[in-house]
Amino acid sequence: MLNTVTLTGSYEGGDGSQPSGWLQFVPSAALTDADDCVLVTQEPVNAELVSGAFSVTLTATDNTDLQPSGWYWTVTEYVAGMPPSQPWNFFLPFAGGATQDISGLSPAAV
């Protein structure tokens, strides 16, 4: 069984409003777990902003059985009233906790 992390976050407009939009997460590689015969594809995972907040469950990047190793997530933020963000990469280790906030993640140099 693969470890997953619930990633959360919230956005606020300059006027205090709670914007709409979504975030799109894409793994950097198609992943395989030979032990459990699982294939994790590179399909995007979208998380909708509801009242300015989101919550999404993603596969942890430190699952030791997944190949290739060293993979990461890429996120693009689509917030109403703003151009899409520049995509940025991050690692999401289960060792960091089963629930993590996107504001606490550091961009990965890959």
PDB file of N, CA and C in Angstrom:
ATOM      1  N   MET A   1       0.848  -1.184   0.000  1.00  0.00           N
ATOM      2  CA  MET A   1       0.000   0.000   0.000  1.00  0.00           C
ATOM      3  C   MET A   1       0.890   1.244   0.000  1.00  0.00           C
ATOM      4  N   LEU A   2       0.550   2.189  -0.853  1.00  0.00           N
ATOM      5  CA  LEU A   2       1.335   3.404  -0.976  1.00  0.00           C
ATOM      6  C   LEU A   2       0.921   4.438   0.063  1.00  0.00           C
ATOM      7  N   ASN A   3       1.919   5.149   0.605  1.00  0.00           N
ATOM      8  CA  ASN A   3       1.626   6.256   1.509  1.00  0.00           C
ATOM      9  C   ASN A   3       1.120   7.440   0.701  1.00  0.00           C
ATOM     10  N   THR A   4       0.135   8.126   1.249  1.00  0.00           N
ATOM     11  CA  THR A   4      -0.391   9.340   0.631  1.00  0.00           C
ATOM     12  C   THR A   4      -0.327  10.480   1.642  1.00  0.00           C
ATOM     13  N   VAL A   5      -0.383  11.696   1.131  1.00  0.00           N
ATOM     14  CA  VAL A   5      -0.391  12.898   1.948  1.00  0.00           C
ATOM     15  C   VAL A   5      -1.594  13.736   1.536  1.00  0.00           C
ATOM     16  N   THR A   6      -2.311  14.248   2.508  1.00  0.00           N
ATOM     17  CA  THR A   6      -3.373  15.206   2.226  1.00  0.00           C
ATOM     18  C   THR A   6      -2.733  16.585   2.216  1.00  0.00           C
ATOM     19  N   LEU A   7      -2.740  17.218   1.049  1.00  0.00           N
ATOM     20  CA  LEU A   7      -2.158  18.535   0.876  1.00  0.00           C
ATOM     21  C   LEU A   7      -3.284  19.562   0.923  1.00  0.00           C
ATOM     22  N   THR A   8      -3.123  20.581   1.747  1.00  0.00           N
ATOM     23  CA  THR A   8      -4.143  21.607   1.910  1.00  0.00           C
ATOM     24  C   THR A   8      -3.536  22.976   1.610  1.00  0.00           C
ATOM     25  N   GLY A   9      -4.391  23.955   1.478  1.00  0.00           N
ATOM     26  CA  GLY A   9      -3.930  25.327   1.287  1.00  0.00           C
ATOM     27  C   GLY A   9      -5.104  26.266   1.167  1.00  0.00           C
ATOM     28  N   SER A  10      -4.828  27.556   1.330  1.00  0.00           N
ATOM     29  CA  SER A  10      -5.881  28.559   1.178  1.00  0.00           C
ATOM     30  C   SER A  10      -5.297  29.810   0.534  1.00  0.00           C
ATOM     31  N   TYR A  11      -6.160  30.518  -0.154  1.00  0.00           N
ATOM     32  CA  TYR A  11      -5.779  31.712  -0.895  1.00  0.00           C
ATOM     33  C   TYR A  11      -6.725  32.835  -0.506  1.00  0.00           C
ATOM     34  N   GLU A  12      -6.191  34.056  -0.473  1.00  0.00           N
ATOM     35  CA  GLU A  12      -7.003  35.215  -0.134  1.00  0.00           C
ATOM     36  C   GLU A  12      -6.639  36.346  -1.073  1.00  0.00           C
ATOM     37  N   GLY A  13      -7.663  37.013  -1.599  1.00  0.00           N
ATOM     38  CA  GLY A  13      -7.435  38.160  -2.462  1.00  0.00           C
ATOM     39  C   GLY A  13      -6.923  39.345  -1.653  1.00  0.00           C
ATOM     40  N   GLY A  14      -6.345  40.321  -2.325  1.00  0.00           N
ATOM     41  CA  GLY A  14      -5.843  41.517  -1.668  1.00  0.00           C
ATOM     42  C   GLY A  14      -6.917  42.292  -0.922  1.00  0.00           C
ATOM     43  N   ASP A  15      -8.176  42.085  -1.327  1.00  0.00           N
ATOM     44  CA  ASP A  15      -9.288  42.750  -0.657  1.00  0.00           C
ATOM     45  C   ASP A  15      -9.932  41.860   0.409  1.00  0.00           C
ATOM     46  N   GLY A  16      -9.283  40.735   0.726  1.00  0.00           N
ATOM     47  CA  GLY A  16      -9.826  39.818   1.734  1.00  0.00           C
ATOM     48  C   GLY A  16     -10.794  38.796   1.185  1.00  0.00           C
ATOM     49  N   SER A  17     -11.054  38.837  -0.131  1.00  0.00           N
ATOM     50  CA  SER A  17     -11.997  37.885  -0.731  1.00  0.00           C
ATOM     51  C   SER A  17     -11.371  36.497  -0.819  1.00  0.00           C
ATOM     52  N   GLN A  18     -12.215  35.508  -0.999  1.00  0.00           N
ATOM     53  CA  GLN A  18     -11.775  34.123  -1.149  1.00  0.00           C
ATOM     54  C   GLN A  18     -11.953  33.737  -2.611  1.00  0.00           C
ATOM     55  N   PRO A  19     -10.855  33.707  -3.363  1.00  0.00           N
ATOM     56  CA  PRO A  19     -10.966  33.502  -4.811  1.00  0.00           C
ATOM     57  C   PRO A  19     -11.358  32.077  -5.186  1.00  0.00           C
ATOM     58  N   SER A  20     -11.855  31.953  -6.401  1.00  0.00           N
ATOM     59  CA  SER A  20     -12.145  30.634  -6.970  1.00  0.00           C
ATOM     60  C   SER A  20     -10.976  30.244  -7.865  1.00  0.00           C
ATOM     61  N   GLY A  21     -10.995  29.023  -8.326  1.00  0.00           N
ATOM     62  CA  GLY A  21      -9.957  28.545  -9.220  1.00  0.00           C
ATOM     63  C   GLY A  21      -9.627  27.105  -8.910  1.00  0.00           C
ATOM     64  N   TRP A  22      -8.447  26.666  -9.322  1.00  0.00           N
ATOM     65  CA  TRP A  22      -8.022  25.302  -9.060  1.00  0.00           C
ATOM     66  C   TRP A  22      -6.506  25.224  -9.135  1.00  0.00           C
ATOM     67  N   LEU A  23      -5.976  24.142  -8.627  1.00  0.00           N
ATOM     68  CA  LEU A  23      -4.565  23.819  -8.732  1.00  0.00           C
ATOM     69  C   LEU A  23      -4.453  22.505  -9.485  1.00  0.00           C
ATOM     70  N   GLN A  24      -3.428  22.396 -10.313  1.00  0.00           N
ATOM     71  CA  GLN A  24      -3.213  21.166 -11.067  1.00  0.00           C
ATOM     72  C   GLN A  24      -1.852  20.576 -10.669  1.00  0.00           C
ATOM     73  N   PHE A  25      -1.879  19.304 -10.255  1.00  0.00           N
ATOM     74  CA  PHE A  25      -0.690  18.591  -9.810  1.00  0.00           C
ATOM     75  C   PHE A  25      -0.391  17.472 -10.801  1.00  0.00           C
ATOM     76  N   VAL A  26       0.881  17.368 -11.200  1.00  0.00           N
ATOM     77  CA  VAL A  26       1.287  16.330 -12.144  1.00  0.00           C
ATOM     78  C   VAL A  26       2.583  15.696 -11.627  1.00  0.00           C
ATOM     79  N   PRO A  27       2.615  14.355 -11.499  1.00  0.00           N
ATOM     80  CA  PRO A  27       3.876  13.723 -11.109  1.00  0.00           C
ATOM     81  C   PRO A  27       4.889  13.832 -12.237  1.00  0.00           C
ATOM     82  N   SER A  28       6.168  13.889 -11.881  1.00  0.00           N
ATOM     83  CA  SER A  28       7.216  14.086 -12.882  1.00  0.00           C
ATOM     84  C   SER A  28       7.479  12.865 -13.746  1.00  0.00           C
ATOM     85  N   ALA A  29       6.957  11.712 -13.347  1.00  0.00           N
ATOM     86  CA  ALA A  29       7.194  10.483 -14.105  1.00  0.00           C
ATOM     87  C   ALA A  29       6.031   9.528 -13.893  1.00  0.00           C
ATOM     88  N   ALA A  30       5.823   8.643 -14.855  1.00  0.00           N
ATOM     89  CA  ALA A  30       4.901   7.532 -14.616  1.00  0.00           C
ATOM     90  C   ALA A  30       5.607   6.618 -13.626  1.00  0.00           C
ATOM     91  N   LEU A  31       4.889   6.190 -12.605  1.00  0.00           N
ATOM     92  CA  LEU A  31       5.492   5.449 -11.500  1.00  0.00           C
ATOM     93  C   LEU A  31       4.987   4.022 -11.457  1.00  0.00           C
ATOM     94  N   THR A  32       5.845   3.120 -11.037  1.00  0.00           N
ATOM     95  CA  THR A  32       5.431   1.736 -10.856  1.00  0.00           C
ATOM     96  C   THR A  32       5.848   1.257  -9.477  1.00  0.00           C
ATOM     97  N   ASP A  33       4.998   0.427  -8.899  1.00  0.00           N
ATOM     98  CA  ASP A  33       5.252  -0.237  -7.622  1.00  0.00           C
ATOM     99  C   ASP A  33       5.150  -1.729  -7.900  1.00  0.00           C
ATOM    100  N   ALA A  34       6.288  -2.346  -8.162  1.00  0.00           N
ATOM    101  CA  ALA A  34       6.302  -3.758  -8.549  1.00  0.00           C
ATOM    102  C   ALA A  34       5.787  -4.667  -7.443  1.00  0.00           C
ATOM    103  N   ASP A  35       5.971  -4.271  -6.177  1.00  0.00           N
ATOM    104  CA  ASP A  35       5.523  -5.114  -5.068  1.00  0.00           C
ATOM    105  C   ASP A  35       4.013  -5.298  -5.061  1.00  0.00           C
ATOM    106  N   ASP A  36       3.281  -4.218  -5.338  1.00  0.00           N
ATOM    107  CA  ASP A  36       1.816  -4.271  -5.293  1.00  0.00           C
ATOM    108  C   ASP A  36       1.187  -4.252  -6.683  1.00  0.00           C
ATOM    109  N   CYS A  37       2.015  -4.315  -7.725  1.00  0.00           N
ATOM    110  CA  CYS A  37       1.522  -4.280  -9.110  1.00  0.00           C
ATOM    111  C   CYS A  37       0.662  -3.048  -9.368  1.00  0.00           C
ATOM    112  N   VAL A  38       1.145  -1.891  -8.929  1.00  0.00           N
ATOM    113  CA  VAL A  38       0.411  -0.630  -9.071  1.00  0.00           C
ATOM    114  C   VAL A  38       1.149   0.254 -10.070  1.00  0.00           C
ATOM    115  N   LEU A  39       0.400   0.897 -10.943  1.00  0.00           N
ATOM    116  CA  LEU A  39       0.941   1.891 -11.862  1.00  0.00           C
ATOM    117  C   LEU A  39       0.291   3.223 -11.533  1.00  0.00           C
ATOM    118  N   VAL A  40       1.108   4.240 -11.266  1.00  0.00           N
ATOM    119  CA  VAL A  40       0.610   5.589 -11.028  1.00  0.00           C
ATOM    120  C   VAL A  40       0.935   6.374 -12.284  1.00  0.00           C
ATOM    121  N   THR A  41      -0.083   6.798 -13.018  1.00  0.00           N
ATOM    122  CA  THR A  41       0.130   7.474 -14.296  1.00  0.00           C
ATOM    123  C   THR A  41       0.488   8.945 -14.089  1.00  0.00           C
ATOM    124  N   GLN A  42       0.803   9.607 -15.164  1.00  0.00           N
ATOM    125  CA  GLN A  42       1.109  11.027 -15.122  1.00  0.00           C
ATOM    126  C   GLN A  42      -0.127  11.887 -15.384  1.00  0.00           C
ATOM    127  N   GLU A  43      -1.288  11.356 -15.130  1.00  0.00           N
ATOM    128  CA  GLU A  43      -2.512  12.129 -15.312  1.00  0.00           C
ATOM    129  C   GLU A  43      -2.549  13.283 -14.313  1.00  0.00           C
ATOM    130  N   PRO A  44      -2.958  14.473 -14.729  1.00  0.00           N
ATOM    131  CA  PRO A  44      -3.069  15.574 -13.786  1.00  0.00           C
ATOM    132  C   PRO A  44      -4.131  15.296 -12.713  1.00  0.00           C
ATOM    133  N   VAL A  45      -3.854  15.788 -11.522  1.00  0.00           N
ATOM    134  CA  VAL A  45      -4.807  15.740 -10.411  1.00  0.00           C
ATOM    135  C   VAL A  45      -5.209  17.184 -10.141  1.00  0.00           C
ATOM    136  N   ASN A  46      -6.487  17.487 -10.275  1.00  0.00           N
ATOM    137  CA  ASN A  46      -6.966  18.852 -10.054  1.00  0.00           C
ATOM    138  C   ASN A  46      -7.611  18.977  -8.687  1.00  0.00           C
ATOM    139  N   ALA A  47      -7.358  20.110  -8.044  1.00  0.00           N
ATOM    140  CA  ALA A  47      -7.965  20.420  -6.754  1.00  0.00           C
ATOM    141  C   ALA A  47      -8.644  21.774  -6.865  1.00  0.00           C
ATOM    142  N   GLU A  48      -9.957  21.789  -6.698  1.00  0.00           N
ATOM    143  CA  GLU A  48     -10.742  23.016  -6.824  1.00  0.00           C
ATOM    144  C   GLU A  48     -10.649  23.855  -5.561  1.00  0.00           C
ATOM    145  N   LEU A  49     -10.558  25.174  -5.762  1.00  0.00           N
ATOM    146  CA  LEU A  49     -10.628  26.085  -4.628  1.00  0.00           C
ATOM    147  C   LEU A  49     -12.097  26.273  -4.258  1.00  0.00           C
ATOM    148  N   VAL A  50     -12.431  25.965  -3.018  1.00  0.00           N
ATOM    149  CA  VAL A  50     -13.779  26.152  -2.495  1.00  0.00           C
ATOM    150  C   VAL A  50     -13.661  27.147  -1.350  1.00  0.00           C
ATOM    151  N   SER A  51     -14.299  28.307  -1.505  1.00  0.00           N
ATOM    152  CA  SER A  51     -14.152  29.393  -0.527  1.00  0.00           C
ATOM    153  C   SER A  51     -12.677  29.703  -0.306  1.00  0.00           C
ATOM    154  N   GLY A  52     -11.900  29.662  -1.382  1.00  0.00           N
ATOM    155  CA  GLY A  52     -10.490  30.015  -1.328  1.00  0.00           C
ATOM    156  C   GLY A  52      -9.567  28.921  -0.823  1.00  0.00           C
ATOM    157  N   ALA A  53     -10.085  27.735  -0.513  1.00  0.00           N
ATOM    158  CA  ALA A  53      -9.256  26.674   0.058  1.00  0.00           C
ATOM    159  C   ALA A  53      -9.368  25.388  -0.756  1.00  0.00           C
ATOM    160  N   PHE A  54      -8.354  24.529  -0.619  1.00  0.00           N
ATOM    161  CA  PHE A  54      -8.386  23.221  -1.286  1.00  0.00           C
ATOM    162  C   PHE A  54      -7.828  22.164  -0.349  1.00  0.00           C
ATOM    163  N   SER A  55      -8.152  20.935  -0.665  1.00  0.00           N
ATOM    164  CA  SER A  55      -7.589  19.760  -0.003  1.00  0.00           C
ATOM    165  C   SER A  55      -7.559  18.656  -1.044  1.00  0.00           C
ATOM    166  N   VAL A  56      -6.408  17.995  -1.172  1.00  0.00           N
ATOM    167  CA  VAL A  56      -6.254  16.943  -2.162  1.00  0.00           C
ATOM    168  C   VAL A  56      -5.328  15.870  -1.592  1.00  0.00           C
ATOM    169  N   THR A  57      -5.598  14.625  -1.926  1.00  0.00           N
ATOM    170  CA  THR A  57      -4.756  13.521  -1.499  1.00  0.00           C
ATOM    171  C   THR A  57      -3.829  13.139  -2.651  1.00  0.00           C
ATOM    172  N   LEU A  58      -2.525  13.168  -2.379  1.00  0.00           N
ATOM    173  CA  LEU A  58      -1.508  12.869  -3.383  1.00  0.00           C
ATOM    174  C   LEU A  58      -0.587  11.758  -2.883  1.00  0.00           C
ATOM    175  N   THR A  59      -0.009  11.024  -3.798  1.00  0.00           N
ATOM    176  CA  THR A  59       0.962   9.988  -3.456  1.00  0.00           C
ATOM    177  C   THR A  59       2.221  10.650  -2.898  1.00  0.00           C
ATOM    178  N   ALA A  60       2.716  10.133  -1.786  1.00  0.00           N
ATOM    179  CA  ALA A  60       3.931  10.672  -1.173  1.00  0.00           C
ATOM    180  C   ALA A  60       5.137  10.376  -2.058  1.00  0.00           C
ATOM    181  N   THR A  61       6.066  11.314  -2.124  1.00  0.00           N
ATOM    182  CA  THR A  61       7.244  11.145  -2.979  1.00  0.00           C
ATOM    183  C   THR A  61       8.336  10.297  -2.340  1.00  0.00           C
ATOM    184  N   ASP A  62       8.164   9.915  -1.072  1.00  0.00           N
ATOM    185  CA  ASP A  62       9.181   9.087  -0.420  1.00  0.00           C
ATOM    186  C   ASP A  62       8.757   7.629  -0.248  1.00  0.00           C
ATOM    187  N   ASN A  63       7.793   7.172  -1.047  1.00  0.00           N
ATOM    188  CA  ASN A  63       7.447   5.747  -1.063  1.00  0.00           C
ATOM    189  C   ASN A  63       8.644   4.987  -1.621  1.00  0.00           C
ATOM    190  N   THR A  64       9.256   4.137  -0.811  1.00  0.00           N
ATOM    191  CA  THR A  64      10.493   3.472  -1.224  1.00  0.00           C
ATOM    192  C   THR A  64      10.291   2.446  -2.324  1.00  0.00           C
ATOM    193  N   ASP A  65       9.064   1.932  -2.492  1.00  0.00           N
ATOM    194  CA  ASP A  65       8.817   0.909  -3.506  1.00  0.00           C
ATOM    195  C   ASP A  65       8.515   1.481  -4.888  1.00  0.00           C
ATOM    196  N   LEU A  66       8.325   2.796  -4.985  1.00  0.00           N
ATOM    197  CA  LEU A  66       8.002   3.389  -6.287  1.00  0.00           C
ATOM    198  C   LEU A  66       9.264   3.625  -7.100  1.00  0.00           C
ATOM    199  N   GLN A  67       9.143   3.358  -8.381  1.00  0.00           N
ATOM    200  CA  GLN A  67      10.237   3.594  -9.320  1.00  0.00           C
ATOM    201  C   GLN A  67       9.727   4.459 -10.450  1.00  0.00           C
ATOM    202  N   PRO A  68      10.462   5.418 -10.972  1.00  0.00           N
ATOM    203  CA  PRO A  68      11.837   5.711 -10.600  1.00  0.00           C
ATOM    204  C   PRO A  68      11.905   6.510  -9.294  1.00  0.00           C
ATOM    205  N   SER A  69      13.019   6.413  -8.609  1.00  0.00           N
ATOM    206  CA  SER A  69      13.193   7.203  -7.391  1.00  0.00           C
ATOM    207  C   SER A  69      13.513   8.644  -7.772  1.00  0.00           C
ATOM    208  N   GLY A  70      13.350   9.558  -6.836  1.00  0.00           N
ATOM    209  CA  GLY A  70      13.671  10.962  -7.084  1.00  0.00           C
ATOM    210  C   GLY A  70      12.601  11.743  -7.813  1.00  0.00           C
ATOM    211  N   TRP A  71      11.412  11.153  -7.958  1.00  0.00           N
ATOM    212  CA  TRP A  71      10.350  11.865  -8.667  1.00  0.00           C
ATOM    213  C   TRP A  71       9.762  12.957  -7.757  1.00  0.00           C
ATOM    214  N   TYR A  72       9.021  13.874  -8.359  1.00  0.00           N
ATOM    215  CA  TYR A  72       8.453  15.015  -7.637  1.00  0.00           C
ATOM    216  C   TYR A  72       7.114  15.387  -8.263  1.00  0.00           C
ATOM    217  N   TRP A  73       6.410  16.270  -7.612  1.00  0.00           N
ATOM    218  CA  TRP A  73       5.154  16.825  -8.118  1.00  0.00           C
ATOM    219  C   TRP A  73       5.429  18.183  -8.744  1.00  0.00           C
ATOM    220  N   THR A  74       4.682  18.532  -9.785  1.00  0.00           N
ATOM    221  CA  THR A  74       4.692  19.871 -10.376  1.00  0.00           C
ATOM    222  C   THR A  74       3.288  20.440 -10.206  1.00  0.00           C
ATOM    223  N   VAL A  75       3.200  21.666  -9.704  1.00  0.00           N
ATOM    224  CA  VAL A  75       1.904  22.301  -9.501  1.00  0.00           C
ATOM    225  C   VAL A  75       1.830  23.598 -10.299  1.00  0.00           C
ATOM    226  N   THR A  76       0.661  23.847 -10.874  1.00  0.00           N
ATOM    227  CA  THR A  76       0.335  25.127 -11.501  1.00  0.00           C
ATOM    228  C   THR A  76      -0.936  25.621 -10.832  1.00  0.00           C
ATOM    229  N   GLU A  77      -0.924  26.882 -10.413  1.00  0.00           N
ATOM    230  CA  GLU A  77      -2.069  27.470  -9.709  1.00  0.00           C
ATOM    231  C   GLU A  77      -2.869  28.341 -10.679  1.00  0.00           C
ATOM    232  N   TYR A  78      -4.164  28.078 -10.752  1.00  0.00           N
ATOM    233  CA  TYR A  78      -5.081  28.833 -11.598  1.00  0.00           C
ATOM    234  C   TYR A  78      -6.075  29.539 -10.680  1.00  0.00           C
ATOM    235  N   VAL A  79      -5.766  30.774 -10.313  1.00  0.00           N
ATOM    236  CA  VAL A  79      -6.597  31.530  -9.378  1.00  0.00           C
ATOM    237  C   VAL A  79      -7.308  32.625 -10.162  1.00  0.00           C
ATOM    238  N   ALA A  80      -8.622  32.716  -9.984  1.00  0.00           N
ATOM    239  CA  ALA A  80      -9.434  33.691 -10.723  1.00  0.00           C
ATOM    240  C   ALA A  80      -8.860  35.096 -10.572  1.00  0.00           C
ATOM    241  N   GLY A  81      -8.816  35.807 -11.694  1.00  0.00           N
ATOM    242  CA  GLY A  81      -8.339  37.181 -11.692  1.00  0.00           C
ATOM    243  C   GLY A  81      -6.833  37.310 -11.825  1.00  0.00           C
ATOM    244  N   MET A  82      -6.141  36.164 -11.940  1.00  0.00           N
ATOM    245  CA  MET A  82      -4.687  36.192 -12.075  1.00  0.00           C
ATOM    246  C   MET A  82      -4.273  35.273 -13.220  1.00  0.00           C
ATOM    247  N   PRO A  83      -3.148  35.553 -13.857  1.00  0.00           N
ATOM    248  CA  PRO A  83      -2.668  34.596 -14.863  1.00  0.00           C
ATOM    249  C   PRO A  83      -2.225  33.318 -14.153  1.00  0.00           C
ATOM    250  N   PRO A  84      -2.206  32.185 -14.866  1.00  0.00           N
ATOM    251  CA  PRO A  84      -1.716  30.960 -14.223  1.00  0.00           C
ATOM    252  C   PRO A  84      -0.302  31.173 -13.675  1.00  0.00           C
ATOM    253  N   SER A  85      -0.016  30.542 -12.548  1.00  0.00           N
ATOM    254  CA  SER A  85       1.314  30.663 -11.959  1.00  0.00           C
ATOM    255  C   SER A  85       2.338  29.954 -12.834  1.00  0.00           C
ATOM    256  N   GLN A  86       3.579  30.294 -12.639  1.00  0.00           N
ATOM    257  CA  GLN A  86       4.642  29.502 -13.240  1.00  0.00           C
ATOM    258  C   GLN A  86       4.618  28.151 -12.537  1.00  0.00           C
ATOM    259  N   PRO A  87       4.654  27.052 -13.269  1.00  0.00           N
ATOM    260  CA  PRO A  87       4.687  25.744 -12.609  1.00  0.00           C
ATOM    261  C   PRO A  87       5.913  25.659 -11.697  1.00  0.00           C
ATOM    262  N   TRP A  88       5.724  25.016 -10.553  1.00  0.00           N
ATOM    263  CA  TRP A  88       6.861  24.804  -9.656  1.00  0.00           C
ATOM    264  C   TRP A  88       6.822  23.378  -9.123  1.00  0.00           C
ATOM    265  N   ASN A  89       7.995  22.863  -8.815  1.00  0.00           N
ATOM    266  CA  ASN A  89       8.170  21.472  -8.423  1.00  0.00           C
ATOM    267  C   ASN A  89       8.386  21.368  -6.918  1.00  0.00           C
ATOM    268  N   PHE A  90       7.907  20.258  -6.345  1.00  0.00           N
ATOM    269  CA  PHE A  90       8.118  20.040  -4.920  1.00  0.00           C
ATOM    270  C   PHE A  90       8.095  18.550  -4.605  1.00  0.00           C
ATOM    271  N   PHE A  91       8.813  18.205  -3.553  1.00  0.00           N
ATOM    272  CA  PHE A  91       8.751  16.855  -3.002  1.00  0.00           C
ATOM    273  C   PHE A  91       7.685  16.861  -1.922  1.00  0.00           C
ATOM    274  N   LEU A  92       6.989  15.756  -1.765  1.00  0.00           N
ATOM    275  CA  LEU A  92       5.920  15.638  -0.773  1.00  0.00           C
ATOM    276  C   LEU A  92       6.147  14.354   0.029  1.00  0.00           C
ATOM    277  N   PRO A  93       7.096  14.393   0.978  1.00  0.00           N
ATOM    278  CA  PRO A  93       7.407  13.182   1.735  1.00  0.00           C
ATOM    279  C   PRO A  93       6.372  12.900   2.824  1.00  0.00           C
ATOM    280  N   PHE A  94       5.995  11.646   2.935  1.00  0.00           N
ATOM    281  CA  PHE A  94       5.104  11.224   4.015  1.00  0.00           C
ATOM    282  C   PHE A  94       5.773  11.476   5.359  1.00  0.00           C
ATOM    283  N   ALA A  95       7.095  11.440   5.376  1.00  0.00           N
ATOM    284  CA  ALA A  95       7.843  11.705   6.605  1.00  0.00           C
ATOM    285  C   ALA A  95       7.557  13.106   7.149  1.00  0.00           C
ATOM    286  N   GLY A  96       7.054  14.013   6.304  1.00  0.00           N
ATOM    287  CA  GLY A  96       6.701  15.363   6.731  1.00  0.00           C
ATOM    288  C   GLY A  96       5.328  15.445   7.372  1.00  0.00           C
ATOM    289  N   GLY A  97       4.587  14.339   7.418  1.00  0.00           N
ATOM    290  CA  GLY A  97       3.262  14.306   8.025  1.00  0.00           C
ATOM    291  C   GLY A  97       2.212  13.874   7.029  1.00  0.00           C
ATOM    292  N   ALA A  98       1.154  13.265   7.548  1.00  0.00           N
ATOM    293  CA  ALA A  98       0.069  12.770   6.698  1.00  0.00           C
ATOM    294  C   ALA A  98      -0.770  13.908   6.127  1.00  0.00           C
ATOM    295  N   THR A  99      -0.730  15.077   6.763  1.00  0.00           N
ATOM    296  CA  THR A  99      -1.397  16.283   6.256  1.00  0.00           C
ATOM    297  C   THR A  99      -0.374  17.406   6.265  1.00  0.00           C
ATOM    298  N   GLN A 100      -0.263  18.107   5.135  1.00  0.00           N
ATOM    299  CA  GLN A 100       0.692  19.192   5.019  1.00  0.00           C
ATOM    300  C   GLN A 100       0.034  20.359   4.297  1.00  0.00           C
ATOM    301  N   ASP A 101       0.519  21.580   4.577  1.00  0.00           N
ATOM    302  CA  ASP A 101       0.016  22.778   3.926  1.00  0.00           C
ATOM    303  C   ASP A 101       0.992  23.194   2.826  1.00  0.00           C
ATOM    304  N   ILE A 102       0.443  23.561   1.683  1.00  0.00           N
ATOM    305  CA  ILE A 102       1.284  23.927   0.536  1.00  0.00           C
ATOM    306  C   ILE A 102       2.200  25.104   0.855  1.00  0.00           C
ATOM    307  N   SER A 103       1.784  25.979   1.773  1.00  0.00           N
ATOM    308  CA  SER A 103       2.615  27.136   2.114  1.00  0.00           C
ATOM    309  C   SER A 103       3.897  26.727   2.840  1.00  0.00           C
ATOM    310  N   GLY A 104       3.942  25.512   3.371  1.00  0.00           N
ATOM    311  CA  GLY A 104       5.144  25.036   4.062  1.00  0.00           C
ATOM    312  C   GLY A 104       6.106  24.280   3.174  1.00  0.00           C
ATOM    313  N   LEU A 105       5.755  24.121   1.898  1.00  0.00           N
ATOM    314  CA  LEU A 105       6.622  23.374   0.972  1.00  0.00           C
ATOM    315  C   LEU A 105       7.636  24.299   0.323  1.00  0.00           C
ATOM    316  N   SER A 106       8.808  23.765   0.074  1.00  0.00           N
ATOM    317  CA  SER A 106       9.854  24.519  -0.633  1.00  0.00           C
ATOM    318  C   SER A 106       9.940  24.014  -2.060  1.00  0.00           C
ATOM    319  N   PRO A 107      10.102  24.926  -3.014  1.00  0.00           N
ATOM    320  CA  PRO A 107      10.309  24.475  -4.396  1.00  0.00           C
ATOM    321  C   PRO A 107      11.552  23.587  -4.481  1.00  0.00           C
ATOM    322  N   ALA A 108      11.455  22.525  -5.253  1.00  0.00           N
ATOM    323  CA  ALA A 108      12.561  21.586  -5.420  1.00  0.00           C
ATOM    324  C   ALA A 108      13.426  22.020  -6.581  1.00  0.00           C
ATOM    325  N   ALA A 109      14.709  22.001  -6.374  1.00  0.00           N
ATOM    326  CA  ALA A 109      15.651  22.261  -7.464  1.00  0.00           C
ATOM    327  C   ALA A 109      15.895  20.938  -8.176  1.00  0.00           C
ATOM    328  N   VAL A 110      15.298  20.787  -9.353  1.00  0.00           N
ATOM    329  CA  VAL A 110      15.418  19.516 -10.079  1.00  0.00           C
ATOM    330  C   VAL A 110      16.031  19.738 -11.443  1.00  0.00           C
TER     331      VAL A 110
END
